[in-house]
Each structure stands twice: as structure tokens, then as C-alpha cells.
Amino acid sequence: MATLNVGNLGEYLREQRRTAQLSLRQLADAAGVSNPYLSQIERGLRKPSAEVLQQVAKALRISAETLYVRAGILDAERDRDEVETRAVILADPTLTERQKQVLLQIYESFRKENGFEIADGGEDGGSSSSPGVADVGDGGEGGDGAAPHETAG
């Protein structure tokens, strides 16, 4: 069900590029991709990687997650709330990039703890392996939700 919907993606990218009043060449330069490659994406002939989508999103100043959904990398129905939350965190201009990543890691650990798996395109290195963040919300070594030190009361 995760087939890439590149036609819809291409139309959306073209619309966003025109709204931003950028030529195809200007967007290609800003995103660090070739002009012919971007043209092929817009025409639905190429399936861009999540990394390329992220570069294009950054150049257009839109959410990469929005492009992931358009491309079929993320499931829009199942992941809408998670995508929106991530997009809001990533778009906050008052946070540093490091702060954004830490917030996302904490958010992911809480969702995991509550039984919700994070939809991950696999391109953002989104493992919770940063120092001081991996243990947030773990509930201890056992992972069974029990408090690490139970007290009789």
C-alpha cells in the first residue's frame, strides 16, 4: 500500500513552486538537485528519495512530511496526527535544530510507550540513540510498565 504516488506529488510540487514564484531552475539550484531530475519528478517520471524530498521541501519552505504523504512514503490516514505534530515541531522558528530533534525523539518514545509505532521513512536517522534521550519514557529495564522500585503501601 506504500506505492509512490509520483503523479500527484509532481503536480503538488509544481503548484508549490509556482506559488513560491520560483522557476524550475531556481528550485533545482536551491534544493541541490539537477534541473532535468526535478523536471522529471514534477512530470511524475521519477520517484524521489525521502532525502531529495526533504531538500526540495526545505527549498520551498514547506513540511517534508507533507511531501512524504504526497509521495506515499507515509500513510496519510494512519499517520496524520503524528505527521502534523512533527511538522509543527520542525517548523517552529524559535527552536534550534538540536532542540527540534530532541523533542521529536521524546515524542517518539512516548508514542512507542503507548503502543503507537512511528511511521519513519528511514531517511532521517530517526533512532532514539542520542545521549540522555533514549531512556525517556522507557519505564525501566523490563519495559513492562512496572515501576523500577515497587514499594509496599
N, C-alpha and C. Protein backbone atom coordinates (compact mmCIF):
# COMPACT_ATOMS: atom_id res chain seq x y z
N MET A 1 0.81 -1.19 0.00
CA MET A 1 0.00 0.00 0.00
C MET A 1 0.85 1.26 0.00
N ALA A 2 2.17 1.10 0.12
CA ALA A 2 3.06 2.26 0.17
C ALA A 2 3.65 2.55 -1.21
N THR A 3 2.87 2.31 -2.27
CA THR A 3 3.35 2.64 -3.60
C THR A 3 3.42 4.15 -3.75
N LEU A 4 4.43 4.58 -4.46
CA LEU A 4 4.65 6.02 -4.58
C LEU A 4 3.67 6.62 -5.58
N ASN A 5 3.03 7.69 -5.16
CA ASN A 5 2.06 8.39 -5.98
C ASN A 5 2.76 9.59 -6.61
N VAL A 6 3.66 9.33 -7.56
CA VAL A 6 4.52 10.38 -8.06
C VAL A 6 3.79 11.39 -8.93
N GLY A 7 2.69 11.00 -9.60
CA GLY A 7 1.94 11.96 -10.40
C GLY A 7 1.36 13.06 -9.52
N ASN A 8 0.69 12.65 -8.46
CA ASN A 8 0.11 13.60 -7.51
C ASN A 8 1.21 14.44 -6.86
N LEU A 9 2.32 13.83 -6.54
CA LEU A 9 3.44 14.54 -5.94
C LEU A 9 3.98 15.59 -6.91
N GLY A 10 4.17 15.23 -8.16
CA GLY A 10 4.70 16.14 -9.15
C GLY A 10 3.81 17.36 -9.35
N GLU A 11 2.51 17.12 -9.43
CA GLU A 11 1.56 18.23 -9.58
C GLU A 11 1.63 19.15 -8.36
N TYR A 12 1.70 18.55 -7.19
CA TYR A 12 1.76 19.33 -5.96
C TYR A 12 3.05 20.16 -5.90
N LEU A 13 4.17 19.54 -6.27
CA LEU A 13 5.45 20.26 -6.28
C LEU A 13 5.42 21.44 -7.25
N ARG A 14 4.88 21.20 -8.43
CA ARG A 14 4.78 22.27 -9.43
C ARG A 14 3.93 23.42 -8.88
N GLU A 15 2.81 23.08 -8.26
CA GLU A 15 1.93 24.10 -7.68
C GLU A 15 2.65 24.89 -6.58
N GLN A 16 3.39 24.19 -5.71
CA GLN A 16 4.12 24.85 -4.64
C GLN A 16 5.25 25.74 -5.19
N ARG A 17 5.91 25.25 -6.22
CA ARG A 17 6.99 26.02 -6.85
C ARG A 17 6.44 27.30 -7.47
N ARG A 18 5.32 27.19 -8.15
CA ARG A 18 4.73 28.38 -8.78
C ARG A 18 4.21 29.35 -7.73
N THR A 19 3.65 28.83 -6.65
CA THR A 19 3.19 29.69 -5.55
C THR A 19 4.36 30.46 -4.95
N ALA A 20 5.51 29.80 -4.86
CA ALA A 20 6.72 30.44 -4.33
C ALA A 20 7.39 31.33 -5.37
N GLN A 21 6.82 31.37 -6.57
CA GLN A 21 7.34 32.17 -7.68
C GLN A 21 8.80 31.83 -7.99
N LEU A 22 9.04 30.53 -8.09
CA LEU A 22 10.38 30.04 -8.43
C LEU A 22 10.32 29.34 -9.78
N SER A 23 11.35 29.52 -10.58
CA SER A 23 11.46 28.75 -11.81
C SER A 23 11.94 27.35 -11.44
N LEU A 24 11.80 26.44 -12.38
CA LEU A 24 12.27 25.08 -12.15
C LEU A 24 13.77 25.10 -11.84
N ARG A 25 14.52 25.91 -12.59
CA ARG A 25 15.96 26.01 -12.39
C ARG A 25 16.29 26.57 -11.00
N GLN A 26 15.56 27.59 -10.56
CA GLN A 26 15.82 28.19 -9.24
C GLN A 26 15.57 27.18 -8.13
N LEU A 27 14.48 26.43 -8.23
CA LEU A 27 14.18 25.43 -7.21
C LEU A 27 15.23 24.31 -7.23
N ALA A 28 15.61 23.88 -8.41
CA ALA A 28 16.62 22.83 -8.52
C ALA A 28 17.93 23.27 -7.86
N ASP A 29 18.33 24.51 -8.12
CA ASP A 29 19.56 25.04 -7.51
C ASP A 29 19.42 25.11 -5.99
N ALA A 30 18.29 25.62 -5.51
CA ALA A 30 18.08 25.77 -4.07
C ALA A 30 18.02 24.42 -3.36
N ALA A 31 17.50 23.41 -4.05
CA ALA A 31 17.37 22.08 -3.44
C ALA A 31 18.61 21.22 -3.64
N GLY A 32 19.52 21.65 -4.50
CA GLY A 32 20.73 20.88 -4.74
C GLY A 32 20.51 19.66 -5.60
N VAL A 33 19.52 19.72 -6.50
CA VAL A 33 19.27 18.63 -7.44
C VAL A 33 19.37 19.19 -8.85
N SER A 34 19.50 18.32 -9.83
CA SER A 34 19.63 18.81 -11.20
C SER A 34 18.28 19.26 -11.74
N ASN A 35 18.34 20.19 -12.66
CA ASN A 35 17.14 20.72 -13.30
C ASN A 35 16.35 19.60 -14.01
N PRO A 36 17.01 18.76 -14.82
CA PRO A 36 16.27 17.68 -15.51
C PRO A 36 15.62 16.70 -14.52
N TYR A 37 16.33 16.39 -13.42
CA TYR A 37 15.79 15.47 -12.43
C TYR A 37 14.53 16.04 -11.78
N LEU A 38 14.57 17.32 -11.39
CA LEU A 38 13.41 17.95 -10.79
C LEU A 38 12.25 18.00 -11.78
N SER A 39 12.55 18.27 -13.03
CA SER A 39 11.53 18.28 -14.07
C SER A 39 10.85 16.92 -14.19
N GLN A 40 11.64 15.86 -14.13
CA GLN A 40 11.10 14.50 -14.21
C GLN A 40 10.23 14.18 -13.00
N ILE A 41 10.61 14.68 -11.83
CA ILE A 41 9.80 14.48 -10.63
C ILE A 41 8.45 15.18 -10.81
N GLU A 42 8.49 16.42 -11.28
CA GLU A 42 7.25 17.18 -11.47
C GLU A 42 6.34 16.53 -12.50
N ARG A 43 6.91 15.88 -13.49
CA ARG A 43 6.10 15.22 -14.52
C ARG A 43 5.71 13.81 -14.14
N GLY A 44 6.12 13.37 -12.95
CA GLY A 44 5.73 12.04 -12.47
C GLY A 44 6.53 10.91 -13.07
N LEU A 45 7.70 11.22 -13.62
CA LEU A 45 8.52 10.20 -14.26
C LEU A 45 9.56 9.59 -13.33
N ARG A 46 9.85 10.28 -12.24
CA ARG A 46 10.85 9.81 -11.27
C ARG A 46 10.25 9.69 -9.89
N LYS A 47 10.79 8.76 -9.11
CA LYS A 47 10.40 8.57 -7.72
C LYS A 47 11.53 9.06 -6.83
N PRO A 48 11.40 10.26 -6.27
CA PRO A 48 12.50 10.80 -5.46
C PRO A 48 12.61 10.09 -4.11
N SER A 49 13.82 10.08 -3.61
CA SER A 49 14.05 9.51 -2.28
C SER A 49 13.53 10.48 -1.23
N ALA A 50 13.40 10.00 0.00
CA ALA A 50 12.97 10.86 1.10
C ALA A 50 13.97 11.99 1.30
N GLU A 51 15.24 11.72 1.06
CA GLU A 51 16.27 12.75 1.22
C GLU A 51 16.08 13.88 0.21
N VAL A 52 15.82 13.52 -1.05
CA VAL A 52 15.58 14.53 -2.07
C VAL A 52 14.31 15.32 -1.74
N LEU A 53 13.28 14.62 -1.29
CA LEU A 53 12.04 15.31 -0.91
C LEU A 53 12.30 16.30 0.22
N GLN A 54 13.14 15.91 1.15
CA GLN A 54 13.47 16.80 2.27
C GLN A 54 14.19 18.05 1.76
N GLN A 55 15.11 17.89 0.82
CA GLN A 55 15.84 19.03 0.26
C GLN A 55 14.89 19.97 -0.49
N VAL A 56 13.97 19.39 -1.26
CA VAL A 56 13.01 20.19 -2.02
C VAL A 56 12.07 20.92 -1.06
N ALA A 57 11.63 20.21 -0.02
CA ALA A 57 10.74 20.83 0.97
C ALA A 57 11.42 22.01 1.64
N LYS A 58 12.67 21.84 1.98
CA LYS A 58 13.42 22.92 2.62
C LYS A 58 13.53 24.12 1.69
N ALA A 59 13.80 23.87 0.43
CA ALA A 59 13.92 24.95 -0.55
C ALA A 59 12.58 25.67 -0.76
N LEU A 60 11.48 24.92 -0.67
CA LEU A 60 10.15 25.51 -0.83
C LEU A 60 9.59 26.07 0.48
N ARG A 61 10.31 25.77 1.58
CA ARG A 61 9.86 26.17 2.92
C ARG A 61 8.50 25.58 3.27
N ILE A 62 8.37 24.28 2.99
CA ILE A 62 7.17 23.54 3.36
C ILE A 62 7.60 22.30 4.13
N SER A 63 6.66 21.62 4.72
CA SER A 63 6.93 20.44 5.53
C SER A 63 7.37 19.26 4.66
N ALA A 64 8.48 18.64 5.03
CA ALA A 64 8.93 17.43 4.33
C ALA A 64 7.91 16.31 4.50
N GLU A 65 7.29 16.26 5.67
CA GLU A 65 6.29 15.22 5.93
C GLU A 65 5.12 15.32 4.97
N THR A 66 4.75 16.55 4.61
CA THR A 66 3.67 16.74 3.62
C THR A 66 4.05 16.08 2.31
N LEU A 67 5.30 16.26 1.91
CA LEU A 67 5.76 15.63 0.67
C LEU A 67 5.83 14.12 0.81
N TYR A 68 6.22 13.63 1.99
CA TYR A 68 6.27 12.18 2.21
C TYR A 68 4.88 11.57 2.06
N VAL A 69 3.87 12.26 2.58
CA VAL A 69 2.50 11.77 2.44
C VAL A 69 2.09 11.79 0.97
N ARG A 70 2.38 12.89 0.28
CA ARG A 70 2.05 13.01 -1.14
C ARG A 70 2.73 11.92 -1.97
N ALA A 71 3.95 11.55 -1.57
CA ALA A 71 4.71 10.54 -2.30
C ALA A 71 4.31 9.12 -1.90
N GLY A 72 3.50 8.98 -0.86
CA GLY A 72 3.11 7.66 -0.41
C GLY A 72 4.11 7.02 0.53
N ILE A 73 5.08 7.79 1.00
CA ILE A 73 6.07 7.25 1.94
C ILE A 73 5.43 7.10 3.32
N LEU A 74 4.60 8.06 3.70
CA LEU A 74 3.84 7.98 4.94
C LEU A 74 2.37 7.76 4.60
N ASP A 75 1.68 6.97 5.41
CA ASP A 75 0.26 6.69 5.22
C ASP A 75 -0.54 7.85 5.82
N ALA A 76 -1.21 8.60 4.98
CA ALA A 76 -1.91 9.81 5.41
C ALA A 76 -2.99 9.53 6.44
N GLU A 77 -3.73 8.47 6.28
CA GLU A 77 -4.82 8.17 7.21
C GLU A 77 -4.29 7.82 8.60
N ARG A 78 -3.36 6.88 8.63
CA ARG A 78 -2.87 6.36 9.90
C ARG A 78 -1.95 7.34 10.61
N ASP A 79 -1.24 8.14 9.85
CA ASP A 79 -0.17 8.93 10.43
C ASP A 79 -0.43 10.43 10.46
N ARG A 80 -1.65 10.86 10.16
CA ARG A 80 -1.92 12.30 10.04
C ARG A 80 -1.55 13.06 11.31
N ASP A 81 -2.00 12.61 12.48
CA ASP A 81 -1.70 13.33 13.72
C ASP A 81 -0.21 13.36 13.99
N GLU A 82 0.45 12.24 13.79
CA GLU A 82 1.89 12.18 14.03
C GLU A 82 2.63 13.11 13.06
N VAL A 83 2.23 13.12 11.80
CA VAL A 83 2.87 13.97 10.80
C VAL A 83 2.66 15.44 11.15
N GLU A 84 1.44 15.79 11.53
CA GLU A 84 1.16 17.19 11.86
C GLU A 84 1.96 17.63 13.07
N THR A 85 2.06 16.78 14.08
CA THR A 85 2.82 17.13 15.28
C THR A 85 4.29 17.33 14.93
N ARG A 86 4.84 16.40 14.15
CA ARG A 86 6.24 16.52 13.74
C ARG A 86 6.45 17.80 12.92
N ALA A 87 5.51 18.11 12.03
CA ALA A 87 5.64 19.29 11.18
C ALA A 87 5.64 20.57 12.00
N VAL A 88 4.80 20.62 13.02
CA VAL A 88 4.73 21.81 13.87
C VAL A 88 6.06 21.99 14.62
N ILE A 89 6.58 20.90 15.14
CA ILE A 89 7.86 20.98 15.85
C ILE A 89 8.97 21.44 14.90
N LEU A 90 9.03 20.83 13.72
CA LEU A 90 10.07 21.17 12.76
C LEU A 90 9.96 22.58 12.22
N ALA A 91 8.74 23.12 12.18
CA ALA A 91 8.53 24.46 11.63
C ALA A 91 8.73 25.58 12.64
N ASP A 92 8.89 25.24 13.92
CA ASP A 92 8.99 26.27 14.95
C ASP A 92 10.32 27.02 14.82
N PRO A 93 10.26 28.30 14.46
CA PRO A 93 11.49 29.06 14.26
C PRO A 93 12.21 29.43 15.56
N THR A 94 11.56 29.23 16.70
CA THR A 94 12.18 29.61 17.98
C THR A 94 13.06 28.49 18.54
N LEU A 95 13.03 27.31 17.92
CA LEU A 95 13.82 26.18 18.40
C LEU A 95 15.04 25.96 17.52
N THR A 96 16.14 25.52 18.14
CA THR A 96 17.32 25.15 17.37
C THR A 96 17.08 23.78 16.75
N GLU A 97 17.90 23.43 15.77
CA GLU A 97 17.76 22.12 15.14
C GLU A 97 17.94 21.00 16.17
N ARG A 98 18.89 21.16 17.07
CA ARG A 98 19.13 20.15 18.11
C ARG A 98 17.90 20.01 19.01
N GLN A 99 17.31 21.14 19.41
CA GLN A 99 16.12 21.10 20.25
C GLN A 99 14.96 20.40 19.53
N LYS A 100 14.81 20.66 18.25
CA LYS A 100 13.75 20.01 17.47
C LYS A 100 13.95 18.50 17.46
N GLN A 101 15.20 18.06 17.24
CA GLN A 101 15.47 16.63 17.18
C GLN A 101 15.22 15.96 18.53
N VAL A 102 15.61 16.62 19.62
CA VAL A 102 15.38 16.06 20.96
C VAL A 102 13.89 15.96 21.23
N LEU A 103 13.13 16.99 20.89
CA LEU A 103 11.68 16.96 21.09
C LEU A 103 11.05 15.81 20.29
N LEU A 104 11.49 15.64 19.05
CA LEU A 104 10.95 14.55 18.24
C LEU A 104 11.27 13.19 18.83
N GLN A 105 12.48 13.04 19.37
CA GLN A 105 12.86 11.77 19.97
C GLN A 105 12.03 11.48 21.22
N ILE A 106 11.78 12.49 22.01
CA ILE A 106 10.95 12.31 23.21
C ILE A 106 9.53 11.95 22.79
N TYR A 107 9.00 12.66 21.81
CA TYR A 107 7.66 12.39 21.30
C TYR A 107 7.55 10.94 20.81
N GLU A 108 8.55 10.50 20.04
CA GLU A 108 8.55 9.14 19.53
C GLU A 108 8.60 8.12 20.66
N SER A 109 9.38 8.40 21.70
CA SER A 109 9.49 7.43 22.80
C SER A 109 8.16 7.33 23.54
N PHE A 110 7.46 8.45 23.72
CA PHE A 110 6.15 8.41 24.38
C PHE A 110 5.14 7.65 23.53
N ARG A 111 5.15 7.87 22.22
CA ARG A 111 4.21 7.14 21.34
C ARG A 111 4.50 5.64 21.39
N LYS A 112 5.78 5.29 21.37
CA LYS A 112 6.16 3.88 21.44
C LYS A 112 5.70 3.26 22.75
N GLU A 113 5.90 3.99 23.85
CA GLU A 113 5.48 3.53 25.16
C GLU A 113 3.98 3.28 25.21
N ASN A 114 3.22 4.09 24.48
CA ASN A 114 1.77 3.99 24.47
C ASN A 114 1.26 3.06 23.37
N GLY A 115 2.16 2.34 22.72
CA GLY A 115 1.76 1.33 21.76
C GLY A 115 1.58 1.81 20.34
N PHE A 116 2.04 3.01 20.03
CA PHE A 116 1.93 3.52 18.67
C PHE A 116 3.32 3.55 18.06
N GLU A 117 3.46 2.85 16.95
CA GLU A 117 4.74 2.85 16.25
C GLU A 117 4.82 4.10 15.40
N ILE A 118 6.02 4.63 15.27
CA ILE A 118 6.26 5.82 14.48
C ILE A 118 6.47 5.41 13.03
N ALA A 119 5.76 6.06 12.12
CA ALA A 119 5.99 5.84 10.70
C ALA A 119 7.25 6.62 10.34
N ASP A 120 8.25 5.91 9.84
CA ASP A 120 9.52 6.56 9.58
C ASP A 120 9.97 6.20 8.18
N GLY A 121 10.28 7.21 7.40
CA GLY A 121 10.78 6.98 6.06
C GLY A 121 12.16 6.36 6.05
N GLY A 122 12.82 6.32 7.23
CA GLY A 122 14.13 5.69 7.33
C GLY A 122 15.26 6.57 6.84
N GLU A 123 14.96 7.79 6.40
CA GLU A 123 15.99 8.64 5.83
C GLU A 123 16.51 9.68 6.81
N ASP A 124 15.82 9.90 7.92
CA ASP A 124 16.23 10.99 8.80
C ASP A 124 17.06 10.52 9.98
N GLY A 125 17.46 9.24 9.99
CA GLY A 125 18.27 8.74 11.09
C GLY A 125 17.50 8.80 12.39
N GLY A 126 16.22 8.51 12.34
CA GLY A 126 15.33 8.76 13.46
C GLY A 126 15.36 7.74 14.57
N SER A 127 16.49 7.15 14.87
CA SER A 127 16.53 6.25 16.02
C SER A 127 16.74 7.08 17.27
N SER A 128 16.25 6.55 18.38
CA SER A 128 16.38 7.28 19.65
C SER A 128 17.70 6.93 20.30
N SER A 129 18.80 7.29 19.66
CA SER A 129 20.10 6.90 20.19
C SER A 129 20.90 8.07 20.72
N SER A 130 20.29 9.25 20.81
CA SER A 130 21.01 10.40 21.33
C SER A 130 21.21 10.25 22.82
N PRO A 131 22.35 10.69 23.33
CA PRO A 131 22.61 10.59 24.76
C PRO A 131 21.57 11.35 25.57
N GLY A 132 21.10 10.72 26.62
CA GLY A 132 20.16 11.39 27.52
C GLY A 132 18.73 11.36 27.04
N VAL A 133 18.47 10.81 25.86
CA VAL A 133 17.11 10.82 25.35
C VAL A 133 16.54 9.40 25.27
N ALA A 134 17.39 8.40 25.07
CA ALA A 134 16.92 7.05 24.84
C ALA A 134 16.11 6.50 26.01
N ASP A 135 16.38 6.94 27.22
CA ASP A 135 15.69 6.39 28.38
C ASP A 135 14.41 7.12 28.73
N VAL A 136 14.09 8.20 28.06
CA VAL A 136 12.90 8.97 28.39
C VAL A 136 11.67 8.12 28.13
N GLY A 137 10.86 7.93 29.14
CA GLY A 137 9.60 7.21 29.00
C GLY A 137 9.74 5.71 28.88
N ASP A 138 10.92 5.15 29.11
CA ASP A 138 11.10 3.72 28.96
C ASP A 138 10.41 2.91 30.04
N GLY A 139 10.28 3.44 31.24
CA GLY A 139 9.68 2.66 32.33
C GLY A 139 10.65 1.67 32.92
N GLY A 140 11.93 1.82 32.68
CA GLY A 140 12.93 0.94 33.29
C GLY A 140 13.38 -0.15 32.34
N GLU A 141 14.23 -1.02 32.86
CA GLU A 141 14.84 -2.07 32.07
C GLU A 141 13.84 -3.08 31.53
N GLY A 142 12.87 -3.46 32.35
CA GLY A 142 11.96 -4.53 31.96
C GLY A 142 11.04 -4.16 30.82
N GLY A 143 10.66 -2.89 30.70
CA GLY A 143 9.80 -2.48 29.63
C GLY A 143 8.37 -2.96 29.80
N ASP A 144 8.01 -3.48 31.01
CA ASP A 144 6.67 -4.00 31.22
C ASP A 144 5.74 -2.97 31.84
N GLY A 145 6.24 -1.75 32.01
CA GLY A 145 5.40 -0.69 32.55
C GLY A 145 5.44 -0.63 34.06
N ALA A 146 6.02 -1.63 34.72
CA ALA A 146 6.09 -1.64 36.19
C ALA A 146 7.14 -0.65 36.64
N ALA A 147 6.90 -0.07 37.79
CA ALA A 147 7.87 0.86 38.34
C ALA A 147 9.14 0.11 38.70
N PRO A 148 10.32 0.72 38.49
CA PRO A 148 11.56 0.01 38.76
C PRO A 148 11.69 -0.39 40.24
N HIS A 149 11.18 0.42 41.16
CA HIS A 149 11.26 0.10 42.58
C HIS A 149 9.87 0.16 43.18
N GLU A 150 9.24 -1.00 43.29
CA GLU A 150 7.88 -1.01 43.83
C GLU A 150 7.96 -0.91 45.33
N THR A 151 7.04 -0.17 45.91
CA THR A 151 7.01 -0.01 47.36
C THR A 151 5.69 -0.54 47.89
N ALA A 152 5.76 -1.15 49.03
CA ALA A 152 4.53 -1.64 49.66
C ALA A 152 3.83 -0.47 50.30
N GLY A 153 2.52 -0.35 50.14
CA GLY A 153 1.86 0.81 50.70
C GLY A 153 0.64 0.44 51.34
